[in-house]
C-alpha atoms as a PDB file:
ATOM      1  CA  MET A   1      14.666  18.406   1.581  1.00  0.00           C
ATOM      2  CA  ALA A   2      11.794  17.408  -0.689  1.00  0.00           C
ATOM      3  CA  LEU A   3      12.795  13.757  -0.526  1.00  0.00           C
ATOM      4  CA  ALA A   4      12.734  13.995   3.270  1.00  0.00           C
ATOM      5  CA  GLY A   5       9.203  15.360   3.021  1.00  0.00           C
ATOM      6  CA  PHE A   6       8.055  12.456   0.868  1.00  0.00           C
ATOM      7  CA  LEU A   7       9.762   9.999   3.215  1.00  0.00           C
ATOM      8  CA  ALA A   8       8.044  11.646   6.208  1.00  0.00           C
ATOM      9  CA  VAL A   9       4.586  11.457   4.646  1.00  0.00           C
ATOM     10  CA  VAL A  10       5.042   7.823   3.678  1.00  0.00           C
ATOM     11  CA  ALA A  11       6.479   7.083   7.122  1.00  0.00           C
ATOM     12  CA  ALA A  12       3.292   8.548   8.641  1.00  0.00           C
ATOM     13  CA  VAL A  13       1.287   6.059   6.574  1.00  0.00           C
ATOM     14  CA  ALA A  14       3.558   3.247   7.763  1.00  0.00           C
ATOM     15  CA  VAL A  15       3.216   4.321  11.396  1.00  0.00           C
ATOM     16  CA  THR A  16      -0.575   4.448  11.048  1.00  0.00           C
ATOM     17  CA  GLY A  17      -0.479   0.873   9.818  1.00  0.00           C
ATOM     18  CA  ALA A  18       1.926  -0.220  12.523  1.00  0.00           C
ATOM     19  CA  LEU A  19      -0.200   1.284  15.291  1.00  0.00           C
ATOM     20  CA  ALA A  20      -3.310  -0.430  13.933  1.00  0.00           C
ATOM     21  CA  ALA A  21      -1.466  -3.728  13.546  1.00  0.00           C
ATOM     22  CA  THR A  22      -0.278  -4.236  17.103  1.00  0.00           C
ATOM     23  CA  ARG A  23      -2.227  -7.507  17.186  1.00  0.00           C
ATOM     24  CA  ALA A  24      -1.578  -8.375  13.528  1.00  0.00           C
ATOM     25  CA  LYS A  25       0.576 -11.435  14.212  1.00  0.00           C
ATOM     26  CA  THR A  26      -2.022 -12.886  16.583  1.00  0.00           C
ATOM     27  CA  VAL A  27      -4.920 -12.038  14.269  1.00  0.00           C
ATOM     28  CA  TYR A  28      -3.128 -13.397  11.188  1.00  0.00           C
ATOM     29  CA  SER A  29      -2.139 -16.654  12.892  1.00  0.00           C
ATOM     30  CA  GLY A  30      -5.727 -17.101  14.101  1.00  0.00           C
ATOM     31  CA  LEU A  31      -7.197 -16.915  10.606  1.00  0.00           C
ATOM     32  CA  THR A  32      -7.842 -19.771   8.243  1.00  0.00           C
ATOM     33  CA  LEU A  33      -5.345 -18.939   5.498  1.00  0.00           C
ATOM     34  CA  PRO A  34      -4.966 -20.224   1.963  1.00  0.00           C
ATOM     35  CA  ALA A  35      -2.029 -22.583   1.373  1.00  0.00           C
ATOM     36  CA  TRP A  36      -0.191 -19.855  -0.527  1.00  0.00           C
ATOM     37  CA  ALA A  37      -0.345 -17.273   2.290  1.00  0.00           C
ATOM     38  CA  PRO A  38       3.092 -15.942   3.250  1.00  0.00           C
ATOM     39  CA  PRO A  39       4.402 -16.194   6.812  1.00  0.00           C
ATOM     40  CA  SER A  40       3.631 -13.199   8.994  1.00  0.00           C
ATOM     41  CA  TRP A  41       7.310 -12.228   9.355  1.00  0.00           C
ATOM     42  CA  LEU A  42       7.525 -11.447   5.631  1.00  0.00           C
ATOM     43  CA  PHE A  43       5.158  -8.471   5.692  1.00  0.00           C
ATOM     44  CA  GLY A  44       7.415  -6.092   7.641  1.00  0.00           C
ATOM     45  CA  PRO A  45      10.472  -6.365   5.383  1.00  0.00           C
ATOM     46  CA  VAL A  46       8.375  -6.238   2.203  1.00  0.00           C
ATOM     47  CA  TRP A  47       6.479  -3.142   3.316  1.00  0.00           C
ATOM     48  CA  THR A  48       9.665  -1.419   4.459  1.00  0.00           C
ATOM     49  CA  VAL A  49      11.154  -1.730   0.973  1.00  0.00           C
ATOM     50  CA  LEU A  50       7.872  -0.806  -0.702  1.00  0.00           C
ATOM     51  CA  TYR A  51       7.376   2.296   1.447  1.00  0.00           C
ATOM     52  CA  ILE A  52      10.850   3.550   0.532  1.00  0.00           C
ATOM     53  CA  MET A  53      10.091   2.940  -3.150  1.00  0.00           C
ATOM     54  CA  ILE A  54       6.727   4.726  -2.833  1.00  0.00           C
ATOM     55  CA  ALA A  55       8.415   7.779  -1.281  1.00  0.00           C
ATOM     56  CA  VAL A  56      11.160   7.884  -3.926  1.00  0.00           C
ATOM     57  CA  SER A  57       8.495   7.467  -6.614  1.00  0.00           C
ATOM     58  CA  GLY A  58       6.526  10.486  -5.395  1.00  0.00           C
ATOM     59  CA  TRP A  59       9.693  12.541  -5.070  1.00  0.00           C
ATOM     60  CA  SER A  60      10.849  11.532  -8.572  1.00  0.00           C
ATOM     61  CA  TYR A  61       7.503  12.546 -10.026  1.00  0.00           C
ATOM     62  CA  TRP A  62       7.620  15.875  -8.183  1.00  0.00           C
ATOM     63  CA  ARG A  63      11.219  16.486  -9.383  1.00  0.00           C
ATOM     64  CA  ALA A  64      10.096  15.836 -12.960  1.00  0.00           C
ATOM     65  CA  ARG A  65       7.657  18.711 -12.518  1.00  0.00           C
ATOM     66  CA  GLY A  66       4.726  16.387 -12.103  1.00  0.00           C
ATOM     67  CA  ASP A  67       1.387  18.116 -11.825  1.00  0.00           C
ATOM     68  CA  ARG A  68      -1.156  18.270  -9.007  1.00  0.00           C
ATOM     69  CA  ARG A  69      -3.327  15.653 -10.676  1.00  0.00           C
ATOM     70  CA  GLY A  70      -0.606  13.032 -10.396  1.00  0.00           C
ATOM     71  CA  LEU A  71       0.210  14.021  -6.833  1.00  0.00           C
ATOM     72  CA  GLY A  72      -3.509  13.838  -6.052  1.00  0.00           C
ATOM     73  CA  TRP A  73      -3.648  10.216  -7.234  1.00  0.00           C
ATOM     74  CA  TYR A  74      -0.503   9.517  -5.237  1.00  0.00           C
ATOM     75  CA  ALA A  75      -2.040  11.049  -2.092  1.00  0.00           C
ATOM     76  CA  ALA A  76      -5.284   9.121  -2.606  1.00  0.00           C
ATOM     77  CA  GLY A  77      -3.249   5.924  -2.737  1.00  0.00           C
ATOM     78  CA  LEU A  78      -1.511   6.788   0.514  1.00  0.00           C
ATOM     79  CA  LEU A  79      -4.856   7.434   2.214  1.00  0.00           C
ATOM     80  CA  LEU A  80      -6.300   4.136   0.999  1.00  0.00           C
ATOM     81  CA  ASN A  81      -3.108   2.372   2.071  1.00  0.00           C
ATOM     82  CA  ALA A  82      -3.341   3.935   5.537  1.00  0.00           C
ATOM     83  CA  ALA A  83      -6.976   2.827   5.876  1.00  0.00           C
ATOM     84  CA  TRP A  84      -6.463  -0.850   5.044  1.00  0.00           C
ATOM     85  CA  THR A  85      -4.588  -2.039   8.143  1.00  0.00           C
ATOM     86  CA  PRO A  86      -7.032  -0.516  10.672  1.00  0.00           C
ATOM     87  CA  LEU A  87      -9.934  -1.981   8.692  1.00  0.00           C
ATOM     88  CA  PHE A  88      -8.441  -5.445   8.425  1.00  0.00           C
ATOM     89  CA  PHE A  89      -6.518  -5.969  11.665  1.00  0.00           C
ATOM     90  CA  ALA A  90      -8.025  -3.527  14.161  1.00  0.00           C
ATOM     91  CA  ALA A  91     -11.681  -3.700  13.101  1.00  0.00           C
ATOM     92  CA  GLY A  92     -11.740  -7.183  11.577  1.00  0.00           C
ATOM     93  CA  ALA A  93     -13.780  -5.645   8.756  1.00  0.00           C
ATOM     94  CA  TYR A  94     -12.527  -7.963   6.015  1.00  0.00           C
ATOM     95  CA  THR A  95     -15.197  -6.940   3.487  1.00  0.00           C
ATOM     96  CA  ALA A  96     -14.517  -3.234   3.976  1.00  0.00           C
ATOM     97  CA  ALA A  97     -10.776  -3.921   3.810  1.00  0.00           C
ATOM     98  CA  LEU A  98     -11.294  -5.762   0.522  1.00  0.00           C
ATOM     99  CA  ALA A  99     -13.249  -2.831  -0.924  1.00  0.00           C
ATOM    100  CA  ASP A 100     -10.482  -0.485   0.242  1.00  0.00           C
ATOM    101  CA  ILE A 101      -7.677  -2.530  -1.300  1.00  0.00           C
ATOM    102  CA  ILE A 102      -9.522  -2.933  -4.612  1.00  0.00           C
ATOM    103  CA  ALA A 103      -9.848   0.849  -4.733  1.00  0.00           C
ATOM    104  CA  LEU A 104      -6.126   1.074  -3.855  1.00  0.00           C
ATOM    105  CA  ASP A 105      -5.250  -1.267  -6.733  1.00  0.00           C
ATOM    106  CA  LEU A 106      -7.136   0.965  -9.157  1.00  0.00           C
ATOM    107  CA  VAL A 107      -5.580   4.142  -7.777  1.00  0.00           C
ATOM    108  CA  ILE A 108      -2.080   2.679  -8.100  1.00  0.00           C
ATOM    109  CA  VAL A 109      -2.776   1.745 -11.743  1.00  0.00           C
ATOM    110  CA  VAL A 110      -3.889   5.307 -12.480  1.00  0.00           C
ATOM    111  CA  THR A 111      -0.879   6.664 -10.581  1.00  0.00           C
ATOM    112  CA  VAL A 112       1.475   4.544 -12.692  1.00  0.00           C
ATOM    113  CA  LEU A 113      -0.178   5.766 -15.895  1.00  0.00           C
ATOM    114  CA  VAL A 114      -0.091   9.419 -14.840  1.00  0.00           C
ATOM    115  CA  PHE A 115       3.450   9.240 -13.457  1.00  0.00           C
ATOM    116  CA  ARG A 116       4.721   7.552 -16.625  1.00  0.00           C
ATOM    117  CA  ARG A 117       4.058  10.713 -18.643  1.00  0.00           C
ATOM    118  CA  LYS A 118       6.483  12.800 -16.597  1.00  0.00           C
ATOM    119  CA  SER A 119       8.825  10.263 -15.022  1.00  0.00           C
ATOM    120  CA  PRO A 120       9.202   6.668 -16.182  1.00  0.00           C
ATOM    121  CA  LEU A 121      11.297   6.050 -13.059  1.00  0.00           C
ATOM    122  CA  ALA A 122       8.491   7.252 -10.773  1.00  0.00           C
ATOM    123  CA  ALA A 123       6.048   4.972 -12.591  1.00  0.00           C
ATOM    124  CA  ALA A 124       8.409   1.992 -12.460  1.00  0.00           C
ATOM    125  CA  LEU A 125       8.897   2.414  -8.715  1.00  0.00           C
ATOM    126  CA  GLN A 126       5.132   2.003  -8.268  1.00  0.00           C
ATOM    127  CA  VAL A 127       4.997  -1.348 -10.109  1.00  0.00           C
ATOM    128  CA  PRO A 128       6.295  -3.559  -7.230  1.00  0.00           C
ATOM    129  CA  TYR A 129       3.795  -1.782  -4.950  1.00  0.00           C
ATOM    130  CA  LEU A 130       1.021  -2.620  -7.406  1.00  0.00           C
ATOM    131  CA  ALA A 131       2.161  -6.240  -7.651  1.00  0.00           C
ATOM    132  CA  TRP A 132       2.202  -6.618  -3.864  1.00  0.00           C
ATOM    133  CA  THR A 133      -1.200  -4.963  -3.387  1.00  0.00           C
ATOM    134  CA  LEU A 134      -2.704  -7.202  -6.078  1.00  0.00           C
ATOM    135  CA  PHE A 135      -1.318 -10.191  -4.178  1.00  0.00           C
ATOM    136  CA  ALA A 136      -2.660  -8.734  -0.921  1.00  0.00           C
ATOM    137  CA  THR A 137      -6.042  -8.234  -2.586  1.00  0.00           C
ATOM    138  CA  ALA A 138      -6.168 -11.919  -3.498  1.00  0.00           C
ATOM    139  CA  LEU A 139      -5.093 -12.821   0.046  1.00  0.00           C
ATOM    140  CA  ASN A 140      -7.729 -10.519   1.573  1.00  0.00           C
ATOM    141  CA  ALA A 141     -10.409 -12.088  -0.675  1.00  0.00           C
ATOM    142  CA  ALA A 142      -9.304 -15.611   0.234  1.00  0.00           C
ATOM    143  CA  ILE A 143      -9.352 -14.786   3.943  1.00  0.00           C
ATOM    144  CA  LEU A 144     -12.817 -13.308   3.582  1.00  0.00           C
ATOM    145  CA  VAL A 145     -14.071 -16.505   1.932  1.00  0.00           C
ATOM    146  CA  LEU A 146     -12.303 -18.872   4.331  1.00  0.00           C
ATOM    147  CA  ASN A 147     -13.293 -17.054   7.496  1.00  0.00           C
END
């Protein structure tokens, strides 16, 4: 049941992003992108896998008797994650989106460090998420500069 709860919370974050990204493909294709920008179709599959890993990570930490501090960092990361898509795609606020994703990067790093103490698995499941958000941060910065 607890895993279902973590999946539901993370799914709510994903739905928030999806609702804010109804024009994402059009917006993304209309931007001047760096040469290394991925195609728009790649984002959905990547985020689907990452969201499952994020949910399992939180659940694993909770099962390892992780404390409120760690879950607080985890929740902060989910909130920052949920805020990025509306900022970037719905509002076109690329600077605010960049500030949000930089904060998200830092929160994920702290989450990994805190989770590692109780559950190495929970920490490891956050690492691909961190790698992707660092890539997305670079992409957001490049888009800001190019547009």
